[in-house]
Amino acid sequence: ADVILIEYSDFECPFCASFHPTAKQAVADYGGKL
């Protein structure tokens, strides 16, 4: 992919839970570029 988002995360972290769908949406929006 043209850009890679590397996320250091914690399965119990509420802020990680909040960001998880954001990252998924970005992948969908950018197609194969992300």
PDB file of all heavy atoms in Angstrom:
ATOM      1  N   ALA A   1       0.837  -1.204   0.000  1.00  0.00           N
ATOM      2  CA  ALA A   1       0.000   0.000   0.000  1.00  0.00           C
ATOM      3  C   ALA A   1       0.873   1.256   0.000  1.00  0.00           C
ATOM      4  O   ALA A   1       2.003   1.242   0.498  1.00  0.00           O
ATOM      5  CB  ALA A   1      -0.915   0.005   1.226  1.00  0.00           C
ATOM      6  N   ASP A   2       0.342   2.335  -0.545  1.00  0.00           N
ATOM      7  CA  ASP A   2       1.092   3.596  -0.602  1.00  0.00           C
ATOM      8  C   ASP A   2       1.372   4.152   0.790  1.00  0.00           C
ATOM      9  O   ASP A   2       2.400   4.795   1.014  1.00  0.00           O
ATOM     10  CB  ASP A   2       0.310   4.633  -1.416  1.00  0.00           C
ATOM     11  CG  ASP A   2       0.183   4.236  -2.881  1.00  0.00           C
ATOM     12  OD1 ASP A   2       1.096   3.547  -3.384  1.00  0.00           O
ATOM     13  OD2 ASP A   2      -0.823   4.604  -3.510  1.00  0.00           O
ATOM     14  N   VAL A   3       0.452   3.918   1.703  1.00  0.00           N
ATOM     15  CA  VAL A   3       0.599   4.392   3.081  1.00  0.00           C
ATOM     16  C   VAL A   3       0.210   3.273   4.039  1.00  0.00           C
ATOM     17  O   VAL A   3      -0.759   2.548   3.790  1.00  0.00           O
ATOM     18  CB  VAL A   3      -0.281   5.637   3.359  1.00  0.00           C
ATOM     19  CG1 VAL A   3      -0.262   6.003   4.843  1.00  0.00           C
ATOM     20  CG2 VAL A   3       0.189   6.829   2.531  1.00  0.00           C
ATOM     21  N   ILE A   4       0.985   3.126   5.113  1.00  0.00           N
ATOM     22  CA  ILE A   4       0.675   2.131   6.142  1.00  0.00           C
ATOM     23  C   ILE A   4       0.495   2.842   7.474  1.00  0.00           C
ATOM     24  O   ILE A   4       1.333   3.654   7.882  1.00  0.00           O
ATOM     25  CB  ILE A   4       1.792   1.079   6.255  1.00  0.00           C
ATOM     26  CG1 ILE A   4       1.881   0.272   4.948  1.00  0.00           C
ATOM     27  CG2 ILE A   4       1.533   0.141   7.430  1.00  0.00           C
ATOM     28  CD1 ILE A   4       2.987  -0.762   4.929  1.00  0.00           C
ATOM     29  N   LEU A   5      -0.604   2.549   8.113  1.00  0.00           N
ATOM     30  CA  LEU A   5      -0.867   3.051   9.467  1.00  0.00           C
ATOM     31  C   LEU A   5      -0.453   1.966  10.453  1.00  0.00           C
ATOM     32  O   LEU A   5      -1.041   0.881  10.473  1.00  0.00           O
ATOM     33  CB  LEU A   5      -2.358   3.371   9.629  1.00  0.00           C
ATOM     34  CG  LEU A   5      -2.862   3.652  11.059  1.00  0.00           C
ATOM     35  CD1 LEU A   5      -2.186   4.889  11.637  1.00  0.00           C
ATOM     36  CD2 LEU A   5      -4.377   3.795  11.084  1.00  0.00           C
ATOM     37  N   ILE A   6       0.578   2.235  11.231  1.00  0.00           N
ATOM     38  CA  ILE A   6       1.031   1.289  12.258  1.00  0.00           C
ATOM     39  C   ILE A   6       0.459   1.741  13.592  1.00  0.00           C
ATOM     40  O   ILE A   6       0.752   2.846  14.060  1.00  0.00           O
ATOM     41  CB  ILE A   6       2.565   1.225  12.315  1.00  0.00           C
ATOM     42  CG1 ILE A   6       3.131   0.721  10.975  1.00  0.00           C
ATOM     43  CG2 ILE A   6       3.020   0.315  13.460  1.00  0.00           C
ATOM     44  CD1 ILE A   6       4.649   0.683  10.919  1.00  0.00           C
ATOM     45  N   GLU A   7      -0.351   0.895  14.178  1.00  0.00           N
ATOM     46  CA  GLU A   7      -1.036   1.241  15.424  1.00  0.00           C
ATOM     47  C   GLU A   7      -0.548   0.360  16.578  1.00  0.00           C
ATOM     48  O   GLU A   7      -0.664  -0.865  16.523  1.00  0.00           O
ATOM     49  CB  GLU A   7      -2.547   1.068  15.265  1.00  0.00           C
ATOM     50  CG  GLU A   7      -3.340   1.342  16.534  1.00  0.00           C
ATOM     51  CD  GLU A   7      -4.794   0.944  16.431  1.00  0.00           C
ATOM     52  OE1 GLU A   7      -5.235   0.541  15.329  1.00  0.00           O
ATOM     53  OE2 GLU A   7      -5.490   1.013  17.453  1.00  0.00           O
ATOM     54  N   TYR A   8       0.002   0.984  17.603  1.00  0.00           N
ATOM     55  CA  TYR A   8       0.334   0.285  18.842  1.00  0.00           C
ATOM     56  C   TYR A   8      -0.881   0.391  19.753  1.00  0.00           C
ATOM     57  O   TYR A   8      -1.302   1.496  20.112  1.00  0.00           O
ATOM     58  CB  TYR A   8       1.577   0.896  19.488  1.00  0.00           C
ATOM     59  CG  TYR A   8       2.854   0.496  18.791  1.00  0.00           C
ATOM     60  CD1 TYR A   8       3.331   1.226  17.704  1.00  0.00           C
ATOM     61  CD2 TYR A   8       3.556  -0.643  19.182  1.00  0.00           C
ATOM     62  CE1 TYR A   8       4.497   0.828  17.038  1.00  0.00           C
ATOM     63  CE2 TYR A   8       4.723  -1.031  18.527  1.00  0.00           C
ATOM     64  CZ  TYR A   8       5.185  -0.296  17.457  1.00  0.00           C
ATOM     65  OH  TYR A   8       6.330  -0.687  16.803  1.00  0.00           O
ATOM     66  N   SER A   9      -1.436  -0.768  20.109  1.00  0.00           N
ATOM     67  CA  SER A   9      -2.757  -0.760  20.725  1.00  0.00           C
ATOM     68  C   SER A   9      -2.851  -1.735  21.899  1.00  0.00           C
ATOM     69  O   SER A   9      -1.976  -2.565  22.125  1.00  0.00           O
ATOM     70  CB  SER A   9      -3.804  -1.105  19.654  1.00  0.00           C
ATOM     71  OG  SER A   9      -5.109  -0.856  20.104  1.00  0.00           O
ATOM     72  N   ASP A  10      -3.953  -1.609  22.617  1.00  0.00           N
ATOM     73  CA  ASP A  10      -4.202  -2.331  23.865  1.00  0.00           C
ATOM     74  C   ASP A  10      -5.669  -2.737  23.833  1.00  0.00           C
ATOM     75  O   ASP A  10      -6.552  -1.887  23.729  1.00  0.00           O
ATOM     76  CB  ASP A  10      -3.886  -1.368  25.018  1.00  0.00           C
ATOM     77  CG  ASP A  10      -4.324  -1.831  26.391  1.00  0.00           C
ATOM     78  OD1 ASP A  10      -5.445  -2.342  26.525  1.00  0.00           O
ATOM     79  OD2 ASP A  10      -3.558  -1.642  27.353  1.00  0.00           O
ATOM     80  N   PHE A  11      -5.939  -4.054  23.898  1.00  0.00           N
ATOM     81  CA  PHE A  11      -7.307  -4.541  23.742  1.00  0.00           C
ATOM     82  C   PHE A  11      -8.257  -4.090  24.858  1.00  0.00           C
ATOM     83  O   PHE A  11      -9.478  -4.139  24.687  1.00  0.00           O
ATOM     84  CB  PHE A  11      -7.320  -6.065  23.651  1.00  0.00           C
ATOM     85  CG  PHE A  11      -6.882  -6.601  22.312  1.00  0.00           C
ATOM     86  CD1 PHE A  11      -5.813  -7.484  22.217  1.00  0.00           C
ATOM     87  CD2 PHE A  11      -7.524  -6.221  21.147  1.00  0.00           C
ATOM     88  CE1 PHE A  11      -5.408  -7.995  20.985  1.00  0.00           C
ATOM     89  CE2 PHE A  11      -7.119  -6.710  19.908  1.00  0.00           C
ATOM     90  CZ  PHE A  11      -6.063  -7.606  19.823  1.00  0.00           C
ATOM     91  N   GLU A  12      -7.707  -3.647  25.990  1.00  0.00           N
ATOM     92  CA  GLU A  12      -8.573  -3.193  27.082  1.00  0.00           C
ATOM     93  C   GLU A  12      -8.758  -1.676  27.081  1.00  0.00           C
ATOM     94  O   GLU A  12      -9.563  -1.139  27.833  1.00  0.00           O
ATOM     95  CB  GLU A  12      -7.994  -3.648  28.431  1.00  0.00           C
ATOM     96  CG  GLU A  12      -8.989  -3.559  29.583  1.00  0.00           C
ATOM     97  CD  GLU A  12      -8.423  -4.068  30.901  1.00  0.00           C
ATOM     98  OE1 GLU A  12      -7.317  -4.635  30.910  1.00  0.00           O
ATOM     99  OE2 GLU A  12      -9.108  -3.902  31.937  1.00  0.00           O
ATOM    100  N   CYS A  13      -8.025  -0.977  26.247  1.00  0.00           N
ATOM    101  CA  CYS A  13      -8.033   0.485  26.218  1.00  0.00           C
ATOM    102  C   CYS A  13      -9.312   1.024  25.573  1.00  0.00           C
ATOM    103  O   CYS A  13      -9.590   0.710  24.411  1.00  0.00           O
ATOM    104  CB  CYS A  13      -6.803   0.972  25.458  1.00  0.00           C
ATOM    105  SG  CYS A  13      -6.854   2.690  24.959  1.00  0.00           S
ATOM    106  N   PRO A  14     -10.082   1.845  26.265  1.00  0.00           N
ATOM    107  CA  PRO A  14     -11.322   2.381  25.680  1.00  0.00           C
ATOM    108  C   PRO A  14     -11.060   3.316  24.501  1.00  0.00           C
ATOM    109  O   PRO A  14     -11.870   3.400  23.582  1.00  0.00           O
ATOM    110  CB  PRO A  14     -11.975   3.124  26.847  1.00  0.00           C
ATOM    111  CG  PRO A  14     -10.851   3.443  27.786  1.00  0.00           C
ATOM    112  CD  PRO A  14      -9.900   2.299  27.666  1.00  0.00           C
ATOM    113  N   PHE A  15      -9.926   4.013  24.523  1.00  0.00           N
ATOM    114  CA  PHE A  15      -9.611   4.914  23.420  1.00  0.00           C
ATOM    115  C   PHE A  15      -9.208   4.120  22.176  1.00  0.00           C
ATOM    116  O   PHE A  15      -9.472   4.549  21.052  1.00  0.00           O
ATOM    117  CB  PHE A  15      -8.512   5.887  23.842  1.00  0.00           C
ATOM    118  CG  PHE A  15      -8.912   6.726  25.018  1.00  0.00           C
ATOM    119  CD1 PHE A  15      -8.516   6.384  26.302  1.00  0.00           C
ATOM    120  CD2 PHE A  15      -9.718   7.834  24.858  1.00  0.00           C
ATOM    121  CE1 PHE A  15      -8.898   7.134  27.395  1.00  0.00           C
ATOM    122  CE2 PHE A  15     -10.111   8.598  25.951  1.00  0.00           C
ATOM    123  CZ  PHE A  15      -9.706   8.249  27.217  1.00  0.00           C
ATOM    124  N   CYS A  16      -8.577   2.969  22.385  1.00  0.00           N
ATOM    125  CA  CYS A  16      -8.260   2.085  21.259  1.00  0.00           C
ATOM    126  C   CYS A  16      -9.547   1.537  20.650  1.00  0.00           C
ATOM    127  O   CYS A  16      -9.662   1.416  19.424  1.00  0.00           O
ATOM    128  CB  CYS A  16      -7.378   0.927  21.717  1.00  0.00           C
ATOM    129  SG  CYS A  16      -5.783   1.450  22.391  1.00  0.00           S
ATOM    130  N   ALA A  17     -10.500   1.212  21.509  1.00  0.00           N
ATOM    131  CA  ALA A  17     -11.801   0.733  21.023  1.00  0.00           C
ATOM    132  C   ALA A  17     -12.490   1.805  20.196  1.00  0.00           C
ATOM    133  O   ALA A  17     -13.136   1.517  19.181  1.00  0.00           O
ATOM    134  CB  ALA A  17     -12.676   0.326  22.203  1.00  0.00           C
ATOM    135  N   SER A  18     -12.337   3.058  20.611  1.00  0.00           N
ATOM    136  CA  SER A  18     -12.923   4.173  19.876  1.00  0.00           C
ATOM    137  C   SER A  18     -12.240   4.375  18.523  1.00  0.00           C
ATOM    138  O   SER A  18     -12.892   4.693  17.524  1.00  0.00           O
ATOM    139  CB  SER A  18     -12.812   5.452  20.716  1.00  0.00           C
ATOM    140  OG  SER A  18     -13.253   6.580  19.993  1.00  0.00           O
ATOM    141  N   PHE A  19     -10.924   4.180  18.487  1.00  0.00           N
ATOM    142  CA  PHE A  19     -10.166   4.413  17.259  1.00  0.00           C
ATOM    143  C   PHE A  19     -10.281   3.254  16.268  1.00  0.00           C
ATOM    144  O   PHE A  19     -10.115   3.455  15.061  1.00  0.00           O
ATOM    145  CB  PHE A  19      -8.686   4.650  17.600  1.00  0.00           C
ATOM    146  CG  PHE A  19      -7.838   5.009  16.418  1.00  0.00           C
ATOM    147  CD1 PHE A  19      -7.961   6.244  15.799  1.00  0.00           C
ATOM    148  CD2 PHE A  19      -6.903   4.105  15.920  1.00  0.00           C
ATOM    149  CE1 PHE A  19      -7.182   6.570  14.697  1.00  0.00           C
ATOM    150  CE2 PHE A  19      -6.113   4.433  14.820  1.00  0.00           C
ATOM    151  CZ  PHE A  19      -6.258   5.664  14.208  1.00  0.00           C
ATOM    152  N   HIS A  20     -10.564   2.067  16.746  1.00  0.00           N
ATOM    153  CA  HIS A  20     -10.599   0.874  15.896  1.00  0.00           C
ATOM    154  C   HIS A  20     -11.520   1.044  14.684  1.00  0.00           C
ATOM    155  O   HIS A  20     -11.085   0.803  13.538  1.00  0.00           O
ATOM    156  CB  HIS A  20     -11.002  -0.342  16.734  1.00  0.00           C
ATOM    157  CG  HIS A  20     -10.972  -1.637  15.986  1.00  0.00           C
ATOM    158  ND1 HIS A  20      -9.809  -2.199  15.499  1.00  0.00           N
ATOM    159  CD2 HIS A  20     -11.979  -2.489  15.634  1.00  0.00           C
ATOM    160  CE1 HIS A  20     -10.088  -3.333  14.889  1.00  0.00           C
ATOM    161  NE2 HIS A  20     -11.397  -3.528  14.953  1.00  0.00           N
ATOM    162  N   PRO A  21     -12.774   1.451  14.859  1.00  0.00           N
ATOM    163  CA  PRO A  21     -13.616   1.639  13.673  1.00  0.00           C
ATOM    164  C   PRO A  21     -13.157   2.792  12.786  1.00  0.00           C
ATOM    165  O   PRO A  21     -13.406   2.786  11.577  1.00  0.00           O
ATOM    166  CB  PRO A  21     -15.009   1.911  14.266  1.00  0.00           C
ATOM    167  CG  PRO A  21     -14.765   2.358  15.660  1.00  0.00           C
ATOM    168  CD  PRO A  21     -13.521   1.654  16.103  1.00  0.00           C
ATOM    169  N   THR A  22     -12.470   3.773  13.371  1.00  0.00           N
ATOM    170  CA  THR A  22     -11.924   4.880  12.579  1.00  0.00           C
ATOM    171  C   THR A  22     -10.879   4.362  11.599  1.00  0.00           C
ATOM    172  O   THR A  22     -10.874   4.719  10.415  1.00  0.00           O
ATOM    173  CB  THR A  22     -11.296   5.941  13.503  1.00  0.00           C
ATOM    174  OG1 THR A  22     -12.285   6.456  14.386  1.00  0.00           O
ATOM    175  CG2 THR A  22     -10.693   7.083  12.697  1.00  0.00           C
ATOM    176  N   ALA A  23      -9.972   3.522  12.098  1.00  0.00           N
ATOM    177  CA  ALA A  23      -8.931   2.945  11.241  1.00  0.00           C
ATOM    178  C   ALA A  23      -9.557   2.068  10.151  1.00  0.00           C
ATOM    179  O   ALA A  23      -9.135   2.103   8.980  1.00  0.00           O
ATOM    180  CB  ALA A  23      -7.949   2.138  12.081  1.00  0.00           C
ATOM    181  N   LYS A  24     -10.569   1.293  10.516  1.00  0.00           N
ATOM    182  CA  LYS A  24     -11.237   0.436   9.533  1.00  0.00           C
ATOM    183  C   LYS A  24     -11.914   1.268   8.446  1.00  0.00           C
ATOM    184  O   LYS A  24     -11.868   0.919   7.262  1.00  0.00           O
ATOM    185  CB  LYS A  24     -12.270  -0.461  10.231  1.00  0.00           C
ATOM    186  CG  LYS A  24     -11.668  -1.539  11.113  1.00  0.00           C
ATOM    187  CD  LYS A  24     -12.743  -2.430  11.706  1.00  0.00           C
ATOM    188  CE  LYS A  24     -13.460  -3.227  10.641  1.00  0.00           C
ATOM    189  NZ  LYS A  24     -14.433  -4.179  11.217  1.00  0.00           N
ATOM    190  N   GLN A  25     -12.533   2.362   8.855  1.00  0.00           N
ATOM    191  CA  GLN A  25     -13.198   3.224   7.891  1.00  0.00           C
ATOM    192  C   GLN A  25     -12.202   3.850   6.932  1.00  0.00           C
ATOM    193  O   GLN A  25     -12.459   3.982   5.727  1.00  0.00           O
ATOM    194  CB  GLN A  25     -13.978   4.323   8.617  1.00  0.00           C
ATOM    195  CG  GLN A  25     -14.816   5.211   7.690  1.00  0.00           C
ATOM    196  CD  GLN A  25     -15.878   4.432   6.953  1.00  0.00           C
ATOM    197  OE1 GLN A  25     -16.672   3.722   7.561  1.00  0.00           O
ATOM    198  NE2 GLN A  25     -15.907   4.545   5.626  1.00  0.00           N
ATOM    199  N   ALA A  26     -11.038   4.232   7.460  1.00  0.00           N
ATOM    200  CA  ALA A  26      -9.994   4.821   6.616  1.00  0.00           C
ATOM    201  C   ALA A  26      -9.523   3.819   5.563  1.00  0.00           C
ATOM    202  O   ALA A  26      -9.321   4.177   4.393  1.00  0.00           O
ATOM    203  CB  ALA A  26      -8.820   5.288   7.469  1.00  0.00           C
ATOM    204  N   VAL A  27      -9.341   2.566   5.957  1.00  0.00           N
ATOM    205  CA  VAL A  27      -8.934   1.529   5.005  1.00  0.00           C
ATOM    206  C   VAL A  27      -9.977   1.399   3.895  1.00  0.00           C
ATOM    207  O   VAL A  27      -9.645   1.306   2.702  1.00  0.00           O
ATOM    208  CB  VAL A  27      -8.735   0.178   5.713  1.00  0.00           C
ATOM    209  CG1 VAL A  27      -8.562  -0.955   4.703  1.00  0.00           C
ATOM    210  CG2 VAL A  27      -7.528   0.232   6.634  1.00  0.00           C
ATOM    211  N   ALA A  28     -11.246   1.425   4.281  1.00  0.00           N
ATOM    212  CA  ALA A  28     -12.316   1.317   3.290  1.00  0.00           C
ATOM    213  C   ALA A  28     -12.334   2.524   2.357  1.00  0.00           C
ATOM    214  O   ALA A  28     -12.521   2.391   1.144  1.00  0.00           O
ATOM    215  CB  ALA A  28     -13.664   1.180   4.000  1.00  0.00           C
ATOM    216  N   ASP A  29     -12.122   3.712   2.916  1.00  0.00           N
ATOM    217  CA  ASP A  29     -12.190   4.941   2.119  1.00  0.00           C
ATOM    218  C   ASP A  29     -11.033   5.073   1.128  1.00  0.00           C
ATOM    219  O   ASP A  29     -11.201   5.623   0.048  1.00  0.00           O
ATOM    220  CB  ASP A  29     -12.214   6.161   3.043  1.00  0.00           C
ATOM    221  CG  ASP A  29     -13.527   6.303   3.811  1.00  0.00           C
ATOM    222  OD1 ASP A  29     -14.474   5.560   3.477  1.00  0.00           O
ATOM    223  OD2 ASP A  29     -13.588   7.134   4.736  1.00  0.00           O
ATOM    224  N   TYR A  30      -9.846   4.590   1.529  1.00  0.00           N
ATOM    225  CA  TYR A  30      -8.675   4.734   0.663  1.00  0.00           C
ATOM    226  C   TYR A  30      -8.424   3.519  -0.229  1.00  0.00           C
ATOM    227  O   TYR A  30      -7.489   3.534  -1.042  1.00  0.00           O
ATOM    228  CB  TYR A  30      -7.428   5.012   1.507  1.00  0.00           C
ATOM    229  CG  TYR A  30      -7.353   6.439   1.999  1.00  0.00           C
ATOM    230  CD1 TYR A  30      -7.886   6.792   3.231  1.00  0.00           C
ATOM    231  CD2 TYR A  30      -6.748   7.432   1.230  1.00  0.00           C
ATOM    232  CE1 TYR A  30      -7.828   8.102   3.696  1.00  0.00           C
ATOM    233  CE2 TYR A  30      -6.678   8.749   1.683  1.00  0.00           C
ATOM    234  CZ  TYR A  30      -7.225   9.074   2.916  1.00  0.00           C
ATOM    235  OH  TYR A  30      -7.176  10.376   3.370  1.00  0.00           O
ATOM    236  N   GLY A  31      -9.222   2.508  -0.078  1.00  0.00           N
ATOM    237  CA  GLY A  31      -9.048   1.326  -0.908  1.00  0.00           C
ATOM    238  C   GLY A  31      -7.672   0.712  -0.693  1.00  0.00           C
ATOM    239  O   GLY A  31      -7.182   0.616   0.422  1.00  0.00           O
ATOM    240  N   GLY A  32      -7.023   0.329  -1.789  1.00  0.00           N
ATOM    241  CA  GLY A  32      -5.720  -0.312  -1.686  1.00  0.00           C
ATOM    242  C   GLY A  32      -4.578   0.621  -1.367  1.00  0.00           C
ATOM    243  O   GLY A  32      -3.436   0.171  -1.211  1.00  0.00           O
ATOM    244  N   LYS A  33      -4.849   1.920  -1.246  1.00  0.00           N
ATOM    245  CA  LYS A  33      -3.773   2.879  -0.961  1.00  0.00           C
ATOM    246  C   LYS A  33      -3.338   2.850   0.507  1.00  0.00           C
ATOM    247  O   LYS A  33      -2.268   3.343   0.848  1.00  0.00           O
ATOM    248  CB  LYS A  33      -4.219   4.296  -1.312  1.00  0.00           C
ATOM    249  CG  LYS A  33      -4.381   4.547  -2.794  1.00  0.00           C
ATOM    250  CD  LYS A  33      -4.733   6.008  -3.061  1.00  0.00           C
ATOM    251  CE  LYS A  33      -4.833   6.287  -4.554  1.00  0.00           C
ATOM    252  NZ  LYS A  33      -5.155   7.712  -4.821  1.00  0.00           N
ATOM    253  N   LEU A  34      -4.178   2.306   1.391  1.00  0.00           N
ATOM    254  CA  LEU A  34      -3.894   2.312   2.830  1.00  0.00           C
ATOM    255  C   LEU A  34      -4.004   0.919   3.424  1.00  0.00           C
ATOM    256  O   LEU A  34      -4.932   0.168   3.108  1.00  0.00           O
ATOM    257  CB  LEU A  34      -4.869   3.248   3.563  1.00  0.00           C
ATOM    258  CG  LEU A  34      -4.755   3.287   5.092  1.00  0.00           C
ATOM    259  CD1 LEU A  34      -3.444   3.945   5.520  1.00  0.00           C
ATOM    260  CD2 LEU A  34      -5.946   4.028   5.706  1.00  0.00           C
TER     261      LEU A  34
END
